[in-house]
């Protein structure tokens, strides 16, 4: 059965929700104004979901969704097919946050009030000249403080739940043996480059001239000219003084298009001109080091750290699963039909 957990990305959405609540304001009038600014058109009092006896408003959900879209996608344009997935993420973040705040209360976890006070003082200093702050600063401070205190409580809860002991040697070794791919030294390739720099905003003719010059350089190289000498003469890269030598690079350090070219070159071979962000490049593969499996002795500490992280994640997800199993969650799918198509999740009911 599929379950959506409070992953770091969803946790970031939770923090956006907190910001949305703050800037929606504490009065109905300010909520409507802010909701319109965010593109929210939920009717006052309409529910997005109920989590046990707690109601999450449609305004709260839609403001959080609007802010998540703005944060995640450039200019707020969501790629086709991704909006429904984001809707589900934000929905689950709000539901999980509601459940976790109830758990905070049950455990009697207090916020770090000194840290909250320092943050609030920073807000006061930053916005004290704002006309809106002068009109309703006290109300806004109350909302800001409440949200910061809740965030502090959630962070303390998460820290407590994620606490794990140091792994034994056997536990670290078993993690190493079952996650061998995490301890592989990736392939390295030693490259040399001749870069003919072109400003990205240059007209097409400038790029064409750079390609023409690079083609001529490739011809000379393939006839036996020294790569090092031509790099010193023509390259605009900082490696020119070293004859274009970039040293060893791990896979993933090169742009995808350049990596594909390099993958097809044997040591000593020279590429055709490649258009890159900085201009037009000619590369030569000097050497390759194949991927190598690191020994346990070399990565013992890292294996232990990763084991602890895995244990912490498991404990955190188990808590969320347990909290979801204790309540009935009903979502207003008449207003949010995409959430009805997201699958069935333990502890959730969708109601038209």
Protein backbone atom coordinates (compact mmCIF):
# COMPACT_ATOMS: atom_id res chain seq x y z
CA UNK A 1 0.00 0.00 0.00
CA UNK A 2 1.49 3.32 -1.08
CA UNK A 3 2.27 5.86 1.62
CA UNK A 4 3.56 9.39 1.30
CA UNK A 5 6.11 10.29 3.97
CA UNK A 6 7.37 13.61 5.28
CA UNK A 7 10.53 13.62 3.14
CA UNK A 8 12.93 16.61 3.28
CA UNK A 9 11.21 18.09 0.22
CA UNK A 10 7.76 17.71 1.80
CA UNK A 11 9.17 19.11 5.05
CA UNK A 12 10.19 22.18 3.04
CA UNK A 13 6.59 22.44 1.87
CA UNK A 14 5.49 22.33 5.51
CA UNK A 15 7.64 25.36 6.20
CA UNK A 16 6.06 27.11 3.22
CA UNK A 17 2.67 26.34 4.71
CA UNK A 18 3.73 28.03 7.92
CA UNK A 19 4.76 31.12 5.95
CA UNK A 20 1.45 31.07 4.11
CA UNK A 21 -0.50 31.00 7.35
CA UNK A 22 1.48 33.93 8.70
CA UNK A 23 1.02 36.11 5.65
CA UNK A 24 -2.64 35.19 5.30
CA UNK A 25 -2.98 37.25 8.44
CA UNK A 26 -5.00 36.76 11.59
CA UNK A 27 -8.27 38.38 10.51
CA UNK A 28 -10.77 37.24 7.89
CA UNK A 29 -10.28 40.41 5.85
CA UNK A 30 -6.50 40.03 5.65
CA UNK A 31 -6.90 36.35 4.82
CA UNK A 32 -9.12 37.15 1.85
CA UNK A 33 -6.72 39.83 0.57
CA UNK A 34 -3.70 37.53 0.84
CA UNK A 35 -5.60 34.62 -0.66
CA UNK A 36 -6.51 36.69 -3.69
CA UNK A 37 -2.89 37.72 -4.04
CA UNK A 38 -1.87 34.04 -4.08
CA UNK A 39 -4.61 33.07 -6.52
CA UNK A 40 -6.66 31.35 -3.83
CA UNK A 41 -10.42 31.36 -4.38
CA UNK A 42 -11.67 29.10 -1.61
CA UNK A 43 -14.84 30.21 0.11
CA UNK A 44 -14.38 31.28 3.75
CA UNK A 45 -14.92 28.32 6.04
CA UNK A 46 -14.63 25.69 3.31
CA UNK A 47 -12.58 22.68 4.38
CA UNK A 48 -9.75 21.04 2.53
CA UNK A 49 -9.63 18.10 4.93
CA UNK A 50 -10.41 16.92 8.42
CA UNK A 51 -7.78 15.05 10.39
CA UNK A 52 -9.62 13.46 13.26
CA UNK A 53 -11.42 16.45 14.76
CA UNK A 54 -9.06 19.05 13.26
CA UNK A 55 -10.18 20.96 10.17
CA UNK A 56 -7.63 22.19 7.61
CA UNK A 57 -9.15 25.01 5.60
CA UNK A 58 -9.16 25.19 1.82
CA UNK A 59 -7.58 28.64 2.06
CA UNK A 60 -4.67 27.22 4.04
CA UNK A 61 -4.15 24.39 1.56
CA UNK A 62 -4.38 26.53 -1.55
CA UNK A 63 -2.09 29.22 -0.16
CA UNK A 64 0.47 26.54 0.70
CA UNK A 65 0.13 25.04 -2.78
CA UNK A 66 0.58 28.44 -4.45
CA UNK A 67 3.72 29.14 -2.44
CA UNK A 68 5.10 25.65 -3.17
CA UNK A 69 4.58 26.23 -6.90
CA UNK A 70 6.35 29.58 -6.70
CA UNK A 71 9.26 28.14 -4.77
CA UNK A 72 9.75 25.01 -6.87
CA UNK A 73 9.09 26.22 -10.41
CA UNK A 74 10.64 29.15 -12.21
CA UNK A 75 8.06 31.90 -12.87
CA UNK A 76 5.42 29.61 -11.33
CA UNK A 77 5.01 27.55 -14.51
CA UNK A 78 4.43 23.90 -13.57
CA UNK A 79 5.46 21.30 -16.21
CA UNK A 80 2.55 19.36 -17.61
CA UNK A 81 1.75 16.31 -15.53
CA UNK A 82 3.56 17.47 -12.37
CA UNK A 83 0.91 19.62 -10.71
CA UNK A 84 -1.17 16.73 -9.40
CA UNK A 85 1.90 15.18 -7.76
CA UNK A 86 2.69 18.51 -6.10
CA UNK A 87 -0.91 18.79 -4.91
CA UNK A 88 -0.54 15.42 -3.20
CA UNK A 89 2.79 16.39 -1.62
CA UNK A 90 1.40 19.59 -0.17
CA UNK A 91 -1.76 17.82 1.00
CA UNK A 92 0.25 15.17 2.81
CA UNK A 93 2.56 17.79 4.30
CA UNK A 94 -0.38 19.59 5.88
CA UNK A 95 -1.93 16.38 7.14
CA UNK A 96 1.36 15.16 8.59
CA UNK A 97 2.01 18.53 10.17
CA UNK A 98 -1.38 18.43 11.88
CA UNK A 99 -0.70 14.95 13.25
CA UNK A 100 2.81 15.85 14.39
CA UNK A 101 1.62 18.98 16.20
CA UNK A 102 -0.86 16.83 18.08
CA UNK A 103 1.99 14.45 18.99
CA UNK A 104 4.06 17.42 20.16
CA UNK A 105 1.25 18.40 22.50
CA UNK A 106 0.83 14.84 23.74
CA UNK A 107 4.54 14.62 24.59
CA UNK A 108 4.61 18.05 26.21
CA UNK A 109 7.43 19.29 23.97
CA UNK A 110 8.18 22.99 24.50
CA UNK A 111 9.63 25.33 21.85
CA UNK A 112 13.03 26.97 22.06
CA UNK A 113 11.55 30.29 23.11
CA UNK A 114 14.90 32.09 23.27
CA UNK A 115 15.59 31.24 19.61
CA UNK A 116 12.05 32.23 18.64
CA UNK A 117 12.43 35.54 20.45
CA UNK A 118 15.66 36.29 18.57
CA UNK A 119 14.01 35.52 15.22
CA UNK A 120 10.97 37.67 16.01
CA UNK A 121 13.25 40.55 17.03
CA UNK A 122 14.93 40.24 13.65
CA UNK A 123 11.56 40.50 11.92
CA UNK A 124 10.68 43.58 13.94
CA UNK A 125 13.96 45.23 13.00
CA UNK A 126 13.62 44.30 9.33
CA UNK A 127 10.03 45.43 8.81
CA UNK A 128 9.66 48.28 11.32
CA UNK A 129 9.49 50.86 8.52
CA UNK A 130 6.71 48.99 6.71
CA UNK A 131 3.33 50.76 6.79
CA UNK A 132 1.51 47.42 7.04
CA UNK A 133 3.72 46.40 9.96
CA UNK A 134 2.99 49.66 11.75
CA UNK A 135 -0.75 49.14 11.26
CA UNK A 136 -0.98 45.50 12.32
CA UNK A 137 2.44 44.56 13.64
CA UNK A 138 1.19 43.20 16.95
CA UNK A 139 -1.29 40.87 15.27
CA UNK A 140 1.33 39.79 12.75
CA UNK A 141 3.88 39.19 15.51
CA UNK A 142 1.43 36.96 17.32
CA UNK A 143 0.94 34.87 14.19
CA UNK A 144 4.66 34.80 13.41
CA UNK A 145 5.52 33.78 16.97
CA UNK A 146 2.93 31.00 16.98
CA UNK A 147 4.26 29.57 13.73
CA UNK A 148 7.89 29.80 14.85
CA UNK A 149 7.08 28.08 18.13
CA UNK A 150 5.31 25.27 16.31
CA UNK A 151 8.23 24.85 13.93
CA UNK A 152 10.61 24.72 16.89
CA UNK A 153 8.47 22.05 18.55
CA UNK A 154 8.35 19.99 15.36
CA UNK A 155 12.13 20.21 15.00
CA UNK A 156 12.61 19.05 18.59
CA UNK A 157 10.20 16.17 18.07
CA UNK A 158 12.01 15.09 14.92
CA UNK A 159 15.40 15.33 16.63
CA UNK A 160 14.16 13.15 19.50
CA UNK A 161 12.62 10.53 17.22
CA UNK A 162 15.66 10.36 14.96
CA UNK A 163 18.13 9.82 17.80
CA UNK A 164 20.06 6.59 17.15
CA UNK A 165 22.98 4.88 18.91
CA UNK A 166 26.42 4.42 17.42
CA UNK A 167 26.41 1.35 15.18
CA UNK A 168 28.34 -1.74 16.11
CA UNK A 169 31.09 -2.97 13.82
CA UNK A 170 28.78 -5.75 12.64
CA UNK A 171 25.96 -3.32 11.81
CA UNK A 172 28.27 -1.02 9.84
CA UNK A 173 29.75 -4.01 7.98
CA UNK A 174 26.34 -5.38 7.10
CA UNK A 175 25.29 -1.96 5.77
CA UNK A 176 28.46 -1.86 3.66
CA UNK A 177 27.82 -5.34 2.28
CA UNK A 178 24.17 -4.66 1.38
CA UNK A 179 24.78 -1.17 -0.09
CA UNK A 180 27.97 -1.78 -2.01
CA UNK A 181 27.04 0.64 -4.77
CA UNK A 182 27.30 3.54 -2.30
CA UNK A 183 30.98 2.83 -1.74
CA UNK A 184 32.23 2.76 -5.30
CA UNK A 185 34.85 5.29 -6.36
CA UNK A 186 33.38 6.52 -9.65
CA UNK A 187 35.27 6.40 -12.90
CA UNK A 188 37.69 9.28 -13.36
CA UNK A 189 38.87 10.73 -16.62
CA UNK A 190 41.79 13.09 -17.11
CA UNK A 191 41.01 15.71 -19.74
CA UNK A 192 42.70 18.54 -21.54
CA UNK A 193 40.69 21.33 -23.15
CA UNK A 194 41.05 24.16 -25.62
CA UNK A 195 38.24 26.63 -25.00
CA UNK A 196 37.34 29.36 -27.47
CA UNK A 197 35.27 31.61 -25.25
CA UNK A 198 32.04 33.10 -26.64
CA UNK A 199 29.65 35.23 -24.63
CA UNK A 200 26.29 33.38 -24.41
CA UNK A 201 24.52 36.54 -25.61
CA UNK A 202 26.72 36.85 -28.72
CA UNK A 203 25.05 36.75 -32.15
CA UNK A 204 24.98 33.58 -34.20
CA UNK A 205 27.86 34.66 -36.40
CA UNK A 206 30.21 34.80 -33.38
CA UNK A 207 29.38 31.20 -32.52
CA UNK A 208 29.83 30.12 -36.13
CA UNK A 209 33.27 31.76 -36.27
CA UNK A 210 34.29 30.00 -33.05
CA UNK A 211 33.19 26.63 -34.48
CA UNK A 212 35.14 27.36 -37.66
CA UNK A 213 38.29 28.21 -35.67
CA UNK A 214 37.87 25.13 -33.46
CA UNK A 215 37.50 22.93 -36.56
CA UNK A 216 40.77 24.27 -37.90
CA UNK A 217 42.47 23.54 -34.57
CA UNK A 218 41.13 19.96 -34.59
CA UNK A 219 42.54 19.50 -38.10
CA UNK A 220 45.98 20.66 -36.98
CA UNK A 221 45.87 18.42 -33.90
CA UNK A 222 44.96 15.36 -35.92
CA UNK A 223 47.89 16.08 -38.20
CA UNK A 224 50.24 15.95 -35.23
CA UNK A 225 50.30 19.47 -33.76
CA UNK A 226 50.95 19.71 -30.01
CA UNK A 227 47.75 19.99 -27.97
CA UNK A 228 49.65 21.70 -25.15
CA UNK A 229 51.09 24.38 -27.43
CA UNK A 230 47.77 25.11 -29.16
CA UNK A 231 46.04 25.29 -25.76
CA UNK A 232 48.55 27.88 -24.57
CA UNK A 233 48.07 29.87 -27.79
CA UNK A 234 44.32 29.70 -28.25
CA UNK A 235 42.50 28.55 -25.09
CA UNK A 236 40.66 31.05 -22.89
CA UNK A 237 40.31 28.54 -20.06
CA UNK A 238 42.38 28.96 -16.89
CA UNK A 239 44.01 25.60 -17.71
CA UNK A 240 45.74 27.09 -20.78
CA UNK A 241 49.01 27.67 -18.89
CA UNK A 242 49.04 23.93 -18.09
CA UNK A 243 48.58 23.00 -21.72
CA UNK A 244 44.84 22.63 -21.18
CA UNK A 245 45.20 19.90 -18.53
CA UNK A 246 42.09 19.81 -16.30
CA UNK A 247 43.30 16.92 -14.17
CA UNK A 248 41.05 14.00 -13.20
CA UNK A 249 37.30 14.58 -13.18
CA UNK A 250 34.64 12.32 -11.70
CA UNK A 251 31.64 11.27 -13.74
CA UNK A 252 28.90 13.82 -13.25
CA UNK A 253 31.22 16.82 -13.15
CA UNK A 254 30.80 17.49 -16.88
CA UNK A 255 27.66 18.74 -18.66
CA UNK A 256 25.63 15.85 -20.05
CA UNK A 257 26.40 16.60 -23.71
CA UNK A 258 30.14 16.88 -23.05
CA UNK A 259 30.09 13.71 -20.96
CA UNK A 260 28.54 11.78 -23.85
CA UNK A 261 31.34 12.93 -26.17
CA UNK A 262 34.03 12.04 -23.62
CA UNK A 263 32.48 8.59 -23.05
CA UNK A 264 33.15 7.76 -26.71
CA UNK A 265 36.79 8.84 -26.71
CA UNK A 266 39.71 6.56 -25.98
CA UNK A 267 42.83 7.97 -24.27
CA UNK A 268 44.79 10.10 -26.72
CA UNK A 269 41.80 10.82 -28.95
CA UNK A 270 40.55 14.34 -29.71
CA UNK A 271 36.92 15.43 -29.97
CA UNK A 272 35.21 17.41 -32.68
CA UNK A 273 34.26 20.97 -31.60
CA UNK A 274 31.72 20.92 -28.75
CA UNK A 275 29.43 23.84 -28.00
CA UNK A 276 29.40 24.48 -24.24
CA UNK A 277 28.00 27.25 -22.06
CA UNK A 278 31.24 29.25 -22.13
CA UNK A 279 31.88 28.88 -25.87
CA UNK A 280 33.27 26.16 -28.15
CA UNK A 281 35.60 23.49 -26.77
CA UNK A 282 37.94 20.82 -28.07
CA UNK A 283 38.79 18.10 -25.56
CA UNK A 284 41.38 15.37 -25.43
CA UNK A 285 41.19 12.33 -23.15
CA UNK A 286 44.56 11.88 -21.46
CA UNK A 287 43.77 8.93 -19.18
CA UNK A 288 40.97 6.93 -17.58
CA UNK A 289 40.72 5.36 -14.14
CA UNK A 290 37.95 2.74 -13.91
CA UNK A 291 35.43 2.73 -11.09
CA UNK A 292 36.73 0.94 -7.98
CA UNK A 293 35.01 -0.64 -5.00
CA UNK A 294 36.28 0.93 -1.75
CA UNK A 295 37.18 -1.50 1.02
CA UNK A 296 35.26 -1.56 4.28
CA UNK A 297 38.35 -0.37 6.18
CA UNK A 298 38.44 2.72 3.94
CA UNK A 299 34.78 3.62 4.44
CA UNK A 300 33.99 2.24 7.93
CA UNK A 301 33.00 5.66 9.33
CA UNK A 302 30.87 6.57 6.33
CA UNK A 303 29.09 3.21 6.44
CA UNK A 304 28.29 3.80 10.09
CA UNK A 305 26.99 7.32 9.40
CA UNK A 306 24.76 6.05 6.59
CA UNK A 307 23.46 3.23 8.79
CA UNK A 308 22.47 5.78 11.45
CA UNK A 309 20.77 7.96 8.85
CA UNK A 310 18.79 4.98 7.55
CA UNK A 311 17.74 4.02 11.08
CA UNK A 312 16.70 7.61 11.83
CA UNK A 313 14.61 7.80 8.63
CA UNK A 314 12.95 4.49 9.46
CA UNK A 315 12.05 5.63 12.97
CA UNK A 316 10.64 8.92 11.68
CA UNK A 317 8.54 7.25 8.99
CA UNK A 318 7.23 4.70 11.46
CA UNK A 319 6.03 7.50 13.71
CA UNK A 320 4.16 9.15 10.84
CA UNK A 321 2.65 5.81 9.79
CA UNK A 322 1.53 5.17 13.35
CA UNK A 323 -0.02 8.62 13.70
CA UNK A 324 -1.89 8.24 10.39
CA UNK A 325 -3.26 4.89 11.54
CA UNK A 326 -4.81 6.44 14.68
CA UNK A 327 -7.18 8.89 12.98
CA UNK A 328 -9.65 9.14 10.15
CA UNK A 329 -8.56 11.56 7.43
CA UNK A 330 -11.22 12.88 5.10
CA UNK A 331 -10.35 15.00 2.07
CA UNK A 332 -12.76 17.24 0.20
CA UNK A 333 -12.39 15.53 -3.18
CA UNK A 334 -15.39 17.36 -4.59
CA UNK A 335 -13.15 20.43 -4.61
CA UNK A 336 -9.88 18.51 -5.09
CA UNK A 337 -10.56 15.58 -7.46
CA UNK A 338 -6.85 15.10 -8.21
CA UNK A 339 -6.36 13.90 -4.64
CA UNK A 340 -8.91 11.14 -5.16
CA UNK A 341 -6.72 9.76 -7.96
CA UNK A 342 -3.56 9.75 -5.88
CA UNK A 343 -4.12 6.24 -4.54
CA UNK A 344 -5.36 4.85 -1.27
CA UNK A 345 -3.34 5.65 1.83
CA UNK A 346 -3.69 4.03 5.22
CA UNK A 347 -5.70 6.22 7.55
CA UNK A 348 -7.17 8.33 4.75
CA UNK A 349 -10.69 8.54 3.44
CA UNK A 350 -11.73 10.69 0.50
CA UNK A 351 -15.21 12.13 0.57
CA UNK A 352 -16.97 13.68 -2.41
